[in-house]
Amino acid sequence: MIESLGTKVKGTFDISVQRGSGELEIISEDAENILLNSFFDLWLQATVPSTTHNISIYVGTGTEAPHVAQTTLGNFVSSAGANVTQPAGTHDAGTNIFTLKSIYVAEWATGSVLGNLTELGLSFGNLPNGEVHTRALIKDVGGNPTTLTLTATDKLIITYTLTFYLNLAPTSQVLNVNGTDHTFEINPMIYRYISLSTILGTPPSRCHAMYTAAKPVLASGIPSGAGGVGQVSRISDPINKVIKQKFTVPTGTGNYTNGLNLISFTDFSHSSFTANGPWFVWIDPPIPKTADQEFDIELSYPMARA
């Protein structure tokens, strides 16, 4: 098995209130919260929405300190649907970190939520009974837990941001195949093809095996070459928050005269051997494969809290 490039994620929130006087009061800015275990369970199931559908922000009056095993707010009071924006990602050439954000903004109608509030959370799927996938106590601009009081003339606005950090630095390991050592290098994602659906949705469903004389470079396309489209089986590891995928190039898929040295992974539905997958594996030296042989490769995709 080859350990692929990892992803880290964190959540932050901003809270403001449009008071009846016309004043916009800033309650919280860039306050951090906890991503609950249920968030990672959704990711393992590839069911975290990456679009605008069925995403809400919940508020309540619970005061218990957040911890990862929680599944609900302490005392649910109200919810509002969130509009989602997903700015283009940014790549830091110095650190080789690619950053993507998903921003969720929920606005309550004036006077629709009243009284004292102390907690909030993000919910994927408009779940009942205050079920959330992130949770935090409401904090003031200094980062201290506080009580937010709303009246009939106040409008509550909460902005929640998920930030994903993808490490694009190449990694490699040596594996012995049929008595010969081969270096398998996991190469950087071709970042112009990275999106929230790449991270949160179903991982690559195809592998494209081929031989090519030149190794692709960052942000370029995968070159054309003789090859075959592989099949995939998927195994989730809920304990370590890792998705494992086994890709198979079956028997009956042509002779590779020069061997296999490039495996591209993609969620594109077409069968082109020039697929621009989110990452690729470069193998040195190439691995021989004839039509009566099957080629298997297993990758793992870890995700952790930033």
Protein backbone atom coordinates (compact mmCIF):
# COMPACT_ATOMS: atom_id res chain seq x y z
CA MET A 1 0.00 0.00 0.00
CA ILE A 2 1.17 3.53 -0.80
CA GLU A 3 0.42 6.43 1.55
CA SER A 4 -0.87 9.29 -0.57
CA LEU A 5 -0.69 13.02 0.04
CA GLY A 6 -2.57 14.00 3.19
CA THR A 7 -5.17 16.68 3.91
CA LYS A 8 -5.69 18.72 7.07
CA VAL A 9 -8.81 20.71 7.82
CA LYS A 10 -10.00 23.28 10.36
CA GLY A 11 -13.17 25.29 10.96
CA THR A 12 -13.58 28.92 12.04
CA PHE A 13 -16.58 31.20 12.49
CA ASP A 14 -17.53 34.89 12.53
CA ILE A 15 -20.67 36.19 14.25
CA SER A 16 -22.27 39.58 13.75
CA VAL A 17 -25.62 41.11 14.71
CA GLN A 18 -27.50 43.79 12.81
CA ARG A 19 -29.06 45.70 15.70
CA GLY A 20 -32.34 47.54 15.44
CA SER A 21 -30.43 50.82 15.71
CA GLY A 22 -28.71 50.04 12.42
CA GLU A 23 -25.40 49.20 14.09
CA LEU A 24 -23.56 46.07 12.88
CA GLU A 25 -22.04 44.59 16.03
CA ILE A 26 -19.13 42.18 15.60
CA ILE A 27 -19.39 39.40 18.17
CA SER A 28 -16.73 36.91 17.00
CA GLU A 29 -13.97 36.99 14.40
CA ASP A 30 -12.08 33.98 13.08
CA ALA A 31 -12.92 31.95 16.18
CA GLU A 32 -11.94 28.29 16.04
CA ASN A 33 -14.17 25.34 16.78
CA ILE A 34 -13.99 21.57 16.91
CA LEU A 35 -14.63 19.30 13.94
CA LEU A 36 -16.54 16.41 15.48
CA ASN A 37 -15.86 12.77 14.73
CA SER A 38 -19.14 12.74 12.79
CA PHE A 39 -17.61 15.17 10.27
CA PHE A 40 -14.87 12.68 9.45
CA ASP A 41 -17.39 9.84 9.35
CA LEU A 42 -19.27 11.73 6.62
CA TRP A 43 -16.01 12.23 4.73
CA LEU A 44 -15.22 8.52 4.95
CA GLN A 45 -18.63 7.82 3.45
CA ALA A 46 -18.08 10.50 0.77
CA THR A 47 -21.32 12.17 1.83
CA VAL A 48 -20.10 15.63 2.93
CA PRO A 49 -21.99 18.05 0.63
CA SER A 50 -19.58 20.12 -1.46
CA THR A 51 -22.42 22.17 -2.97
CA THR A 52 -25.08 24.51 -1.57
CA HIS A 53 -27.59 21.79 -0.75
CA ASN A 54 -28.82 20.89 2.75
CA ILE A 55 -26.28 22.81 4.82
CA SER A 56 -27.38 24.71 7.91
CA ILE A 57 -25.90 26.52 10.88
CA TYR A 58 -27.50 25.69 14.24
CA VAL A 59 -27.47 27.77 17.43
CA GLY A 60 -28.35 26.83 20.99
CA THR A 61 -27.96 27.48 24.70
CA GLY A 62 -25.67 24.62 25.76
CA THR A 63 -22.56 25.46 27.79
CA GLU A 64 -20.66 22.16 27.93
CA ALA A 65 -17.13 22.41 26.57
CA PRO A 66 -16.97 20.97 23.01
CA HIS A 67 -15.29 17.59 22.49
CA VAL A 68 -14.92 15.40 19.42
CA ALA A 69 -17.38 12.67 20.45
CA GLN A 70 -20.38 15.02 20.64
CA THR A 71 -23.07 14.67 17.99
CA THR A 72 -25.52 17.46 18.89
CA LEU A 73 -25.68 20.92 20.36
CA GLY A 74 -26.21 20.97 24.11
CA ASN A 75 -29.64 22.58 23.70
CA PHE A 76 -30.78 23.33 20.16
CA VAL A 77 -32.76 26.57 19.67
CA SER A 78 -32.82 27.54 15.98
CA SER A 79 -31.26 26.94 12.56
CA ALA A 80 -30.84 28.78 9.27
CA GLY A 81 -29.88 27.48 5.84
CA ALA A 82 -26.43 28.51 4.65
CA ASN A 83 -25.38 29.90 1.29
CA VAL A 84 -22.04 28.51 0.14
CA THR A 85 -19.15 30.11 -1.73
CA GLN A 86 -15.95 28.33 -2.72
CA PRO A 87 -13.13 30.71 -3.72
CA ALA A 88 -10.37 29.50 -6.00
CA GLY A 89 -7.62 27.68 -4.16
CA THR A 90 -4.16 29.11 -3.58
CA HIS A 91 -0.77 27.40 -3.85
CA ASP A 92 2.21 28.43 -1.71
CA ALA A 93 5.29 27.46 -3.71
CA GLY A 94 7.51 27.86 -0.64
CA THR A 95 5.65 25.42 1.60
CA ASN A 96 4.07 23.41 -1.23
CA ILE A 97 0.71 23.71 0.54
CA PHE A 98 -2.47 24.12 -1.49
CA THR A 99 -5.30 25.81 0.42
CA LEU A 100 -9.01 25.56 -0.35
CA LYS A 101 -11.90 27.16 1.52
CA SER A 102 -15.61 26.54 1.68
CA ILE A 103 -17.52 29.47 3.22
CA TYR A 104 -21.04 29.06 4.65
CA VAL A 105 -23.15 32.14 5.48
CA ALA A 106 -26.44 31.88 7.38
CA GLU A 107 -28.74 34.85 8.09
CA TRP A 108 -31.75 34.71 10.38
CA ALA A 109 -34.72 36.95 9.70
CA THR A 110 -34.95 39.91 12.05
CA GLY A 111 -36.48 38.83 15.34
CA SER A 112 -36.73 35.16 14.36
CA VAL A 113 -34.35 34.00 17.09
CA LEU A 114 -34.64 35.61 20.53
CA GLY A 115 -32.99 35.44 23.94
CA ASN A 116 -29.58 34.20 25.00
CA LEU A 117 -27.36 32.00 22.79
CA THR A 118 -24.14 30.28 23.84
CA GLU A 119 -23.25 27.67 21.18
CA LEU A 120 -23.30 26.96 17.44
CA GLY A 121 -22.50 24.24 14.94
CA LEU A 122 -22.51 23.39 11.25
CA SER A 123 -24.88 20.65 10.08
CA PHE A 124 -24.65 18.80 6.77
CA GLY A 125 -28.04 17.47 5.75
CA ASN A 126 -30.42 19.59 7.88
CA LEU A 127 -30.42 16.92 10.56
CA PRO A 128 -33.05 16.88 13.34
CA ASN A 129 -32.62 17.47 17.07
CA GLY A 130 -29.63 19.76 16.75
CA GLU A 131 -27.34 17.13 15.23
CA VAL A 132 -24.15 18.83 14.05
CA HIS A 133 -20.77 17.96 12.56
CA THR A 134 -18.88 20.84 14.15
CA ARG A 135 -19.46 22.57 17.49
CA ALA A 136 -18.21 25.62 19.36
CA LEU A 137 -19.16 27.86 22.22
CA ILE A 138 -19.92 31.42 21.11
CA LYS A 139 -16.87 33.59 21.76
CA ASP A 140 -16.21 37.32 21.92
CA VAL A 141 -13.57 39.03 19.77
CA GLY A 142 -10.99 38.15 22.41
CA GLY A 143 -11.71 34.43 22.03
CA ASN A 144 -13.53 34.04 25.36
CA PRO A 145 -16.86 32.19 25.71
CA THR A 146 -19.72 34.66 25.94
CA THR A 147 -23.52 34.86 25.90
CA LEU A 148 -25.10 36.51 22.89
CA THR A 149 -28.43 38.24 23.62
CA LEU A 150 -30.86 38.88 20.76
CA THR A 151 -34.04 40.97 20.78
CA ALA A 152 -36.99 41.25 18.39
CA THR A 153 -35.19 43.96 16.38
CA ASP A 154 -31.93 42.04 15.89
CA LYS A 155 -30.74 40.05 12.88
CA LEU A 156 -28.18 37.27 13.44
CA ILE A 157 -25.48 36.56 10.79
CA ILE A 158 -22.97 33.70 11.10
CA THR A 159 -20.18 32.93 8.66
CA TYR A 160 -18.54 29.52 8.97
CA THR A 161 -15.37 28.65 7.05
CA LEU A 162 -13.87 25.22 6.43
CA THR A 163 -10.22 25.49 5.37
CA PHE A 164 -8.42 22.54 3.78
CA TYR A 165 -4.63 22.30 3.57
CA LEU A 166 -3.23 19.83 1.04
CA ASN A 167 0.44 18.90 1.16
CA LEU A 168 1.71 18.78 -2.42
CA ALA A 169 5.27 17.70 -1.61
CA PRO A 170 6.17 14.46 -3.41
CA THR A 171 6.68 11.35 -1.30
CA SER A 172 8.21 8.05 -2.33
CA GLN A 173 8.83 4.54 -1.12
CA VAL A 174 10.55 1.45 -2.47
CA LEU A 175 8.48 -1.68 -2.99
CA ASN A 176 9.68 -5.06 -4.21
CA VAL A 177 7.69 -6.44 -7.14
CA ASN A 178 8.55 -9.93 -8.37
CA GLY A 179 12.05 -9.69 -6.93
CA THR A 180 12.87 -6.23 -8.29
CA ASP A 181 12.93 -3.01 -6.23
CA HIS A 182 10.83 -0.23 -7.73
CA THR A 183 10.55 3.33 -6.46
CA PHE A 184 6.93 4.49 -6.29
CA GLU A 185 6.70 8.28 -6.13
CA ILE A 186 3.41 9.95 -5.21
CA ASN A 187 3.53 13.19 -7.14
CA PRO A 188 1.81 16.50 -6.39
CA MET A 189 -1.82 16.90 -7.27
CA ILE A 190 -2.34 18.74 -10.52
CA TYR A 191 -3.82 21.59 -8.57
CA ARG A 192 -5.82 23.24 -11.32
CA TYR A 193 -8.09 20.18 -11.09
CA ILE A 194 -8.51 20.22 -7.30
CA SER A 195 -11.95 21.20 -6.04
CA LEU A 196 -14.02 20.69 -2.91
CA SER A 197 -15.68 17.74 -4.62
CA THR A 198 -12.21 16.21 -5.09
CA ILE A 199 -11.63 16.38 -1.34
CA LEU A 200 -15.11 15.85 0.08
CA GLY A 201 -16.75 13.75 -2.59
CA THR A 202 -16.05 10.27 -3.80
CA PRO A 203 -12.29 9.73 -4.25
CA PRO A 204 -10.92 8.89 -7.70
CA SER A 205 -12.87 6.05 -9.24
CA ARG A 206 -10.46 5.10 -12.04
CA CYS A 207 -6.82 4.49 -12.57
CA HIS A 208 -5.12 4.94 -15.91
CA ALA A 209 -2.02 2.77 -16.33
CA MET A 210 0.47 3.58 -19.06
CA TYR A 211 4.06 3.96 -20.13
CA THR A 212 5.49 7.35 -21.01
CA ALA A 213 9.06 8.46 -21.64
CA ALA A 214 8.84 11.66 -19.56
CA LYS A 215 7.49 12.22 -16.06
CA PRO A 216 4.72 14.87 -15.90
CA VAL A 217 5.40 18.09 -13.99
CA LEU A 218 3.29 20.00 -11.50
CA ALA A 219 0.21 21.69 -12.99
CA SER A 220 0.67 20.08 -16.40
CA GLY A 221 -1.51 17.50 -18.08
CA ILE A 222 -0.83 13.78 -18.06
CA PRO A 223 0.82 12.75 -21.34
CA SER A 224 -0.75 10.24 -23.64
CA GLY A 225 0.53 6.68 -23.76
CA ALA A 226 -0.49 3.07 -24.17
CA GLY A 227 -2.53 1.94 -21.20
CA GLY A 228 -5.68 0.54 -19.69
CA VAL A 229 -8.40 1.84 -17.43
CA GLY A 230 -8.35 0.12 -14.04
CA GLN A 231 -11.18 -0.75 -11.68
CA VAL A 232 -11.42 0.29 -8.02
CA SER A 233 -12.55 -1.17 -4.73
CA ARG A 234 -12.82 1.13 -1.70
CA ILE A 235 -12.25 0.42 2.00
CA SER A 236 -12.80 3.01 4.74
CA ASP A 237 -10.82 2.98 7.97
CA PRO A 238 -13.03 4.79 10.52
CA ILE A 239 -10.49 4.53 13.33
CA ASN A 240 -7.60 6.25 11.60
CA LYS A 241 -9.77 8.46 9.32
CA VAL A 242 -8.25 6.99 6.17
CA ILE A 243 -9.85 5.95 2.91
CA LYS A 244 -8.10 3.03 1.25
CA GLN A 245 -8.57 2.23 -2.41
CA LYS A 246 -7.36 -0.74 -4.38
CA PHE A 247 -7.02 -0.13 -8.12
CA THR A 248 -6.77 -3.06 -10.49
CA VAL A 249 -5.61 -3.17 -14.11
CA PRO A 250 -7.07 -6.56 -15.07
CA THR A 251 -5.83 -9.39 -17.22
CA GLY A 252 -6.64 -9.07 -20.87
CA THR A 253 -5.51 -5.45 -20.87
CA GLY A 254 -2.75 -5.37 -23.50
CA ASN A 255 0.95 -5.98 -23.36
CA TYR A 256 3.01 -3.12 -22.01
CA THR A 257 6.17 -3.47 -24.08
CA ASN A 258 8.10 -1.00 -21.96
CA GLY A 259 6.32 -1.80 -18.72
CA LEU A 260 4.08 0.44 -16.57
CA ASN A 261 5.61 3.58 -15.10
CA LEU A 262 2.73 6.03 -14.76
CA ILE A 263 -0.54 5.50 -12.90
CA SER A 264 -2.98 8.41 -13.07
CA PHE A 265 -6.02 8.58 -10.78
CA THR A 266 -9.16 10.43 -11.74
CA ASP A 267 -12.86 10.71 -11.01
CA PHE A 268 -13.57 11.64 -14.63
CA SER A 269 -16.02 9.29 -16.29
CA HIS A 270 -14.36 9.08 -19.68
CA SER A 271 -11.80 6.41 -20.55
CA SER A 272 -9.12 8.58 -22.11
CA PHE A 273 -5.57 7.62 -21.20
CA THR A 274 -4.70 11.32 -21.05
CA ALA A 275 -6.87 11.85 -17.96
CA ASN A 276 -5.80 14.73 -15.74
CA GLY A 277 -6.25 13.04 -12.39
CA PRO A 278 -5.79 14.76 -9.03
CA TRP A 279 -2.45 13.00 -8.59
CA PHE A 280 -0.31 10.33 -10.16
CA VAL A 281 2.27 7.68 -9.25
CA TRP A 282 5.60 7.53 -11.09
CA ILE A 283 7.33 4.11 -11.03
CA ASP A 284 11.07 3.68 -11.62
CA PRO A 285 12.03 1.35 -13.20
CA PRO A 286 8.82 0.45 -15.07
CA ILE A 287 6.99 -2.71 -14.01
CA PRO A 288 6.52 -5.31 -16.75
CA LYS A 289 2.95 -6.38 -17.46
CA THR A 290 1.66 -8.78 -20.07
CA ALA A 291 -1.94 -9.46 -21.05
CA ASP A 292 -2.16 -12.52 -18.78
CA GLN A 293 -1.11 -10.55 -15.68
CA GLU A 294 -3.11 -8.40 -13.29
CA PHE A 295 -1.65 -5.20 -11.82
CA ASP A 296 -2.89 -4.03 -8.40
CA ILE A 297 -2.03 -0.85 -6.52
CA GLU A 298 -3.54 0.34 -3.23
CA LEU A 299 -3.55 3.95 -2.04
CA SER A 300 -4.64 5.50 1.24
CA TYR A 301 -6.00 9.02 1.73
CA PRO A 302 -5.60 10.39 5.27
CA MET A 303 -7.39 13.44 6.67
CA ALA A 304 -6.71 15.05 10.05
CA ARG A 305 -7.62 18.13 12.07
CA ALA A 306 -5.32 21.10 11.41
